[in-house]
Amino acid sequence: MKADRKKIEIAMANSCMNAEDLQKESGLPRPSLNNVISGRSVRPGTIGRVARALKVNVTEILAE
């Protein structure tokens, strides 16, 4: 699964978070979070943790 960088950035802005805040809230290691933000393919659970930290549905941050 791949996330859409722009959608993640919008969700981060809506949540008033930067990457460090998102990393702390999601509990993901920084390299894993960077993979998500960069749009690399990651496991569904990883994207799920990011979505939960941003308080959005996973479908809102997935690449199309």
PDB file of N, CA and C in Angstrom:
ATOM      1  N   MET A   1       0.842  -1.172   0.000  1.00  0.00           N
ATOM      2  CA  MET A   1       0.000   0.000   0.000  1.00  0.00           C
ATOM      3  C   MET A   1       0.889   1.238   0.000  1.00  0.00           C
ATOM      4  N   LYS A   2       0.409   2.259  -0.682  1.00  0.00           N
ATOM      5  CA  LYS A   2       1.154   3.510  -0.746  1.00  0.00           C
ATOM      6  C   LYS A   2       0.264   4.666  -0.315  1.00  0.00           C
ATOM      7  N   ALA A   3       0.867   5.590   0.398  1.00  0.00           N
ATOM      8  CA  ALA A   3       0.152   6.791   0.823  1.00  0.00           C
ATOM      9  C   ALA A   3       0.462   7.922  -0.146  1.00  0.00           C
ATOM     10  N   ASP A   4      -0.429   8.875  -0.213  1.00  0.00           N
ATOM     11  CA  ASP A   4      -0.258  10.060  -1.045  1.00  0.00           C
ATOM     12  C   ASP A   4       0.368  11.159  -0.183  1.00  0.00           C
ATOM     13  N   ARG A   5       1.553  11.600  -0.578  1.00  0.00           N
ATOM     14  CA  ARG A   5       2.298  12.588   0.207  1.00  0.00           C
ATOM     15  C   ARG A   5       1.481  13.855   0.463  1.00  0.00           C
ATOM     16  N   LYS A   6       0.833  14.365  -0.572  1.00  0.00           N
ATOM     17  CA  LYS A   6       0.046  15.604  -0.434  1.00  0.00           C
ATOM     18  C   LYS A   6      -1.095  15.413   0.570  1.00  0.00           C
ATOM     19  N   LYS A   7      -1.772  14.265   0.478  1.00  0.00           N
ATOM     20  CA  LYS A   7      -2.888  13.994   1.391  1.00  0.00           C
ATOM     21  C   LYS A   7      -2.398  13.904   2.838  1.00  0.00           C
ATOM     22  N   ILE A   8      -1.234  13.297   3.034  1.00  0.00           N
ATOM     23  CA  ILE A   8      -0.676  13.207   4.387  1.00  0.00           C
ATOM     24  C   ILE A   8      -0.313  14.596   4.894  1.00  0.00           C
ATOM     25  N   GLU A   9       0.299  15.405   4.034  1.00  0.00           N
ATOM     26  CA  GLU A   9       0.671  16.756   4.448  1.00  0.00           C
ATOM     27  C   GLU A   9      -0.566  17.579   4.813  1.00  0.00           C
ATOM     28  N   ILE A  10      -1.645  17.419   4.055  1.00  0.00           N
ATOM     29  CA  ILE A  10      -2.888  18.132   4.366  1.00  0.00           C
ATOM     30  C   ILE A  10      -3.443  17.659   5.708  1.00  0.00           C
ATOM     31  N   ALA A  11      -3.451  16.342   5.925  1.00  0.00           N
ATOM     32  CA  ALA A  11      -3.948  15.801   7.195  1.00  0.00           C
ATOM     33  C   ALA A  11      -3.073  16.259   8.364  1.00  0.00           C
ATOM     34  N   MET A  12      -1.765  16.330   8.140  1.00  0.00           N
ATOM     35  CA  MET A  12      -0.862  16.817   9.186  1.00  0.00           C
ATOM     36  C   MET A  12      -1.158  18.283   9.502  1.00  0.00           C
ATOM     37  N   ALA A  13      -1.385  19.085   8.470  1.00  0.00           N
ATOM     38  CA  ALA A  13      -1.704  20.501   8.681  1.00  0.00           C
ATOM     39  C   ALA A  13      -3.022  20.647   9.435  1.00  0.00           C
ATOM     40  N   ASN A  14      -4.017  19.853   9.054  1.00  0.00           N
ATOM     41  CA  ASN A  14      -5.313  19.902   9.742  1.00  0.00           C
ATOM     42  C   ASN A  14      -5.190  19.516  11.213  1.00  0.00           C
ATOM     43  N   SER A  15      -4.233  18.640  11.506  1.00  0.00           N
ATOM     44  CA  SER A  15      -4.019  18.187  12.886  1.00  0.00           C
ATOM     45  C   SER A  15      -2.964  19.015  13.615  1.00  0.00           C
ATOM     46  N   CYS A  16      -2.441  20.048  12.933  1.00  0.00           N
ATOM     47  CA  CYS A  16      -1.382  20.901  13.501  1.00  0.00           C
ATOM     48  C   CYS A  16      -0.188  20.064  13.960  1.00  0.00           C
ATOM     49  N   MET A  17       0.231  19.125  13.099  1.00  0.00           N
ATOM     50  CA  MET A  17       1.354  18.243  13.417  1.00  0.00           C
ATOM     51  C   MET A  17       2.479  18.440  12.414  1.00  0.00           C
ATOM     52  N   ASN A  18       3.705  18.257  12.904  1.00  0.00           N
ATOM     53  CA  ASN A  18       4.838  18.134  11.998  1.00  0.00           C
ATOM     54  C   ASN A  18       5.258  16.660  12.011  1.00  0.00           C
ATOM     55  N   ALA A  19       6.292  16.324  11.264  1.00  0.00           N
ATOM     56  CA  ALA A  19       6.701  14.919  11.155  1.00  0.00           C
ATOM     57  C   ALA A  19       7.110  14.343  12.510  1.00  0.00           C
ATOM     58  N   GLU A  20       7.750  15.148  13.330  1.00  0.00           N
ATOM     59  CA  GLU A  20       8.171  14.665  14.653  1.00  0.00           C
ATOM     60  C   GLU A  20       6.953  14.351  15.525  1.00  0.00           C
ATOM     61  N   ASP A  21       5.956  15.229  15.490  1.00  0.00           N
ATOM     62  CA  ASP A  21       4.725  14.979  16.252  1.00  0.00           C
ATOM     63  C   ASP A  21       4.039  13.706  15.771  1.00  0.00           C
ATOM     64  N   LEU A  22       3.981  13.542  14.452  1.00  0.00           N
ATOM     65  CA  LEU A  22       3.332  12.369  13.872  1.00  0.00           C
ATOM     66  C   LEU A  22       4.083  11.097  14.247  1.00  0.00           C
ATOM     67  N   GLN A  23       5.394  11.173  14.256  1.00  0.00           N
ATOM     68  CA  GLN A  23       6.202  10.012  14.628  1.00  0.00           C
ATOM     69  C   GLN A  23       5.923   9.610  16.073  1.00  0.00           C
ATOM     70  N   LYS A  24       5.850  10.586  16.953  1.00  0.00           N
ATOM     71  CA  LYS A  24       5.578  10.289  18.364  1.00  0.00           C
ATOM     72  C   LYS A  24       4.169   9.733  18.552  1.00  0.00           C
ATOM     73  N   GLU A  25       3.198  10.348  17.887  1.00  0.00           N
ATOM     74  CA  GLU A  25       1.798   9.942  18.045  1.00  0.00           C
ATOM     75  C   GLU A  25       1.545   8.550  17.463  1.00  0.00           C
ATOM     76  N   SER A  26       2.194   8.238  16.335  1.00  0.00           N
ATOM     77  CA  SER A  26       1.975   6.943  15.684  1.00  0.00           C
ATOM     78  C   SER A  26       2.792   5.830  16.327  1.00  0.00           C
ATOM     79  N   GLY A  27       3.900   6.198  16.970  1.00  0.00           N
ATOM     80  CA  GLY A  27       4.771   5.203  17.575  1.00  0.00           C
ATOM     81  C   GLY A  27       5.640   4.464  16.575  1.00  0.00           C
ATOM     82  N   LEU A  28       5.669   4.956  15.345  1.00  0.00           N
ATOM     83  CA  LEU A  28       6.476   4.312  14.306  1.00  0.00           C
ATOM     84  C   LEU A  28       7.922   4.779  14.385  1.00  0.00           C
ATOM     85  N   PRO A  29       8.863   3.902  14.029  1.00  0.00           N
ATOM     86  CA  PRO A  29      10.249   4.354  13.905  1.00  0.00           C
ATOM     87  C   PRO A  29      10.327   5.401  12.790  1.00  0.00           C
ATOM     88  N   ARG A  30      11.227   6.346  12.932  1.00  0.00           N
ATOM     89  CA  ARG A  30      11.341   7.435  11.952  1.00  0.00           C
ATOM     90  C   ARG A  30      11.520   6.924  10.518  1.00  0.00           C
ATOM     91  N   PRO A  31      12.372   5.901  10.268  1.00  0.00           N
ATOM     92  CA  PRO A  31      12.509   5.417   8.883  1.00  0.00           C
ATOM     93  C   PRO A  31      11.193   4.897   8.303  1.00  0.00           C
ATOM     94  N   SER A  32      10.388   4.232   9.112  1.00  0.00           N
ATOM     95  CA  SER A  32       9.094   3.728   8.633  1.00  0.00           C
ATOM     96  C   SER A  32       8.162   4.880   8.290  1.00  0.00           C
ATOM     97  N   LEU A  33       8.133   5.898   9.137  1.00  0.00           N
ATOM     98  CA  LEU A  33       7.293   7.062   8.860  1.00  0.00           C
ATOM     99  C   LEU A  33       7.765   7.772   7.599  1.00  0.00           C
ATOM    100  N   ASN A  34       9.072   7.887   7.431  1.00  0.00           N
ATOM    101  CA  ASN A  34       9.602   8.514   6.214  1.00  0.00           C
ATOM    102  C   ASN A  34       9.172   7.742   4.972  1.00  0.00           C
ATOM    103  N   ASN A  35       9.141   6.418   5.052  1.00  0.00           N
ATOM    104  CA  ASN A  35       8.684   5.609   3.920  1.00  0.00           C
ATOM    105  C   ASN A  35       7.230   5.911   3.584  1.00  0.00           C
ATOM    106  N   VAL A  36       6.403   6.066   4.595  1.00  0.00           N
ATOM    107  CA  VAL A  36       4.988   6.381   4.368  1.00  0.00           C
ATOM    108  C   VAL A  36       4.862   7.756   3.718  1.00  0.00           C
ATOM    109  N   ILE A  37       5.513   8.750   4.305  1.00  0.00           N
ATOM    110  CA  ILE A  37       5.409  10.121   3.801  1.00  0.00           C
ATOM    111  C   ILE A  37       5.971  10.231   2.389  1.00  0.00           C
ATOM    112  N   SER A  38       6.994   9.448   2.085  1.00  0.00           N
ATOM    113  CA  SER A  38       7.617   9.490   0.756  1.00  0.00           C
ATOM    114  C   SER A  38       6.820   8.750  -0.307  1.00  0.00           C
ATOM    115  N   GLY A  39       5.762   8.068   0.104  1.00  0.00           N
ATOM    116  CA  GLY A  39       4.933   7.358  -0.865  1.00  0.00           C
ATOM    117  C   GLY A  39       5.466   5.994  -1.260  1.00  0.00           C
ATOM    118  N   ARG A  40       6.392   5.460  -0.465  1.00  0.00           N
ATOM    119  CA  ARG A  40       6.898   4.114  -0.744  1.00  0.00           C
ATOM    120  C   ARG A  40       5.866   3.084  -0.290  1.00  0.00           C
ATOM    121  N   SER A  41       5.971   1.901  -0.834  1.00  0.00           N
ATOM    122  CA  SER A  41       5.050   0.828  -0.474  1.00  0.00           C
ATOM    123  C   SER A  41       5.358   0.352   0.948  1.00  0.00           C
ATOM    124  N   VAL A  42       4.324   0.316   1.784  1.00  0.00           N
ATOM    125  CA  VAL A  42       4.476  -0.126   3.174  1.00  0.00           C
ATOM    126  C   VAL A  42       3.334  -1.070   3.532  1.00  0.00           C
ATOM    127  N   ARG A  43       3.442  -1.700   4.668  1.00  0.00           N
ATOM    128  CA  ARG A  43       2.407  -2.629   5.129  1.00  0.00           C
ATOM    129  C   ARG A  43       1.134  -1.867   5.504  1.00  0.00           C
ATOM    130  N   PRO A  44      -0.010  -2.523   5.348  1.00  0.00           N
ATOM    131  CA  PRO A  44      -1.276  -1.873   5.708  1.00  0.00           C
ATOM    132  C   PRO A  44      -1.308  -1.367   7.155  1.00  0.00           C
ATOM    133  N   GLY A  45      -0.740  -2.133   8.072  1.00  0.00           N
ATOM    134  CA  GLY A  45      -0.739  -1.716   9.473  1.00  0.00           C
ATOM    135  C   GLY A  45       0.037  -0.436   9.713  1.00  0.00           C
ATOM    136  N   THR A  46       1.072  -0.232   8.916  1.00  0.00           N
ATOM    137  CA  THR A  46       1.875   0.985   9.051  1.00  0.00           C
ATOM    138  C   THR A  46       1.060   2.204   8.645  1.00  0.00           C
ATOM    139  N   ILE A  47       0.378   2.107   7.509  1.00  0.00           N
ATOM    140  CA  ILE A  47      -0.479   3.219   7.076  1.00  0.00           C
ATOM    141  C   ILE A  47      -1.622   3.400   8.073  1.00  0.00           C
ATOM    142  N   GLY A  48      -2.117   2.303   8.608  1.00  0.00           N
ATOM    143  CA  GLY A  48      -3.183   2.380   9.597  1.00  0.00           C
ATOM    144  C   GLY A  48      -2.771   3.158  10.837  1.00  0.00           C
ATOM    145  N   ARG A  49      -1.545   2.958  11.280  1.00  0.00           N
ATOM    146  CA  ARG A  49      -1.057   3.675  12.463  1.00  0.00           C
ATOM    147  C   ARG A  49      -0.932   5.170  12.189  1.00  0.00           C
ATOM    148  N   VAL A  50      -0.506   5.505  10.976  1.00  0.00           N
ATOM    149  CA  VAL A  50      -0.402   6.919  10.601  1.00  0.00           C
ATOM    150  C   VAL A  50      -1.795   7.538  10.544  1.00  0.00           C
ATOM    151  N   ALA A  51      -2.728   6.842   9.910  1.00  0.00           N
ATOM    152  CA  ALA A  51      -4.097   7.356   9.804  1.00  0.00           C
ATOM    153  C   ALA A  51      -4.713   7.551  11.188  1.00  0.00           C
ATOM    154  N   ARG A  52      -4.510   6.600  12.070  1.00  0.00           N
ATOM    155  CA  ARG A  52      -5.063   6.705  13.424  1.00  0.00           C
ATOM    156  C   ARG A  52      -4.463   7.908  14.155  1.00  0.00           C
ATOM    157  N   ALA A  53      -3.153   8.115  14.004  1.00  0.00           N
ATOM    158  CA  ALA A  53      -2.499   9.256  14.653  1.00  0.00           C
ATOM    159  C   ALA A  53      -3.032  10.582  14.114  1.00  0.00           C
ATOM    160  N   LEU A  54      -3.383  10.593  12.821  1.00  0.00           N
ATOM    161  CA  LEU A  54      -3.914  11.808  12.197  1.00  0.00           C
ATOM    162  C   LEU A  54      -5.423  11.945  12.384  1.00  0.00           C
ATOM    163  N   LYS A  55      -6.039  10.902  12.949  1.00  0.00           N
ATOM    164  CA  LYS A  55      -7.493  10.871  13.168  1.00  0.00           C
ATOM    165  C   LYS A  55      -8.267  11.004  11.854  1.00  0.00           C
ATOM    166  N   VAL A  56      -7.789  10.238  10.848  1.00  0.00           N
ATOM    167  CA  VAL A  56      -8.471  10.177   9.555  1.00  0.00           C
ATOM    168  C   VAL A  56      -8.660   8.716   9.174  1.00  0.00           C
ATOM    169  N   ASN A  57      -9.545   8.471   8.224  1.00  0.00           N
ATOM    170  CA  ASN A  57      -9.733   7.137   7.681  1.00  0.00           C
ATOM    171  C   ASN A  57      -8.563   6.836   6.753  1.00  0.00           C
ATOM    172  N   VAL A  58      -8.117   5.596   6.726  1.00  0.00           N
ATOM    173  CA  VAL A  58      -6.990   5.205   5.876  1.00  0.00           C
ATOM    174  C   VAL A  58      -7.222   5.613   4.421  1.00  0.00           C
ATOM    175  N   THR A  59      -8.449   5.481   3.951  1.00  0.00           N
ATOM    176  CA  THR A  59      -8.731   5.810   2.547  1.00  0.00           C
ATOM    177  C   THR A  59      -8.474   7.279   2.231  1.00  0.00           C
ATOM    178  N   GLU A  60      -8.447   8.128   3.248  1.00  0.00           N
ATOM    179  CA  GLU A  60      -8.204   9.557   3.031  1.00  0.00           C
ATOM    180  C   GLU A  60      -6.749   9.871   2.719  1.00  0.00           C
ATOM    181  N   ILE A  61      -5.829   8.944   3.021  1.00  0.00           N
ATOM    182  CA  ILE A  61      -4.411   9.218   2.772  1.00  0.00           C
ATOM    183  C   ILE A  61      -3.779   8.261   1.766  1.00  0.00           C
ATOM    184  N   LEU A  62      -4.557   7.316   1.241  1.00  0.00           N
ATOM    185  CA  LEU A  62      -4.016   6.374   0.261  1.00  0.00           C
ATOM    186  C   LEU A  62      -3.811   7.036  -1.092  1.00  0.00           C
ATOM    187  N   ALA A  63      -2.751   6.605  -1.778  1.00  0.00           N
ATOM    188  CA  ALA A  63      -2.528   7.044  -3.153  1.00  0.00           C
ATOM    189  C   ALA A  63      -3.541   6.342  -4.043  1.00  0.00           C
ATOM    190  N   GLU A  64      -3.926   7.009  -5.101  1.00  0.00           N
ATOM    191  CA  GLU A  64      -4.936   6.430  -6.001  1.00  0.00           C
ATOM    192  C   GLU A  64      -4.309   5.658  -7.125  1.00  0.00           C
TER     193      GLU A  64
END
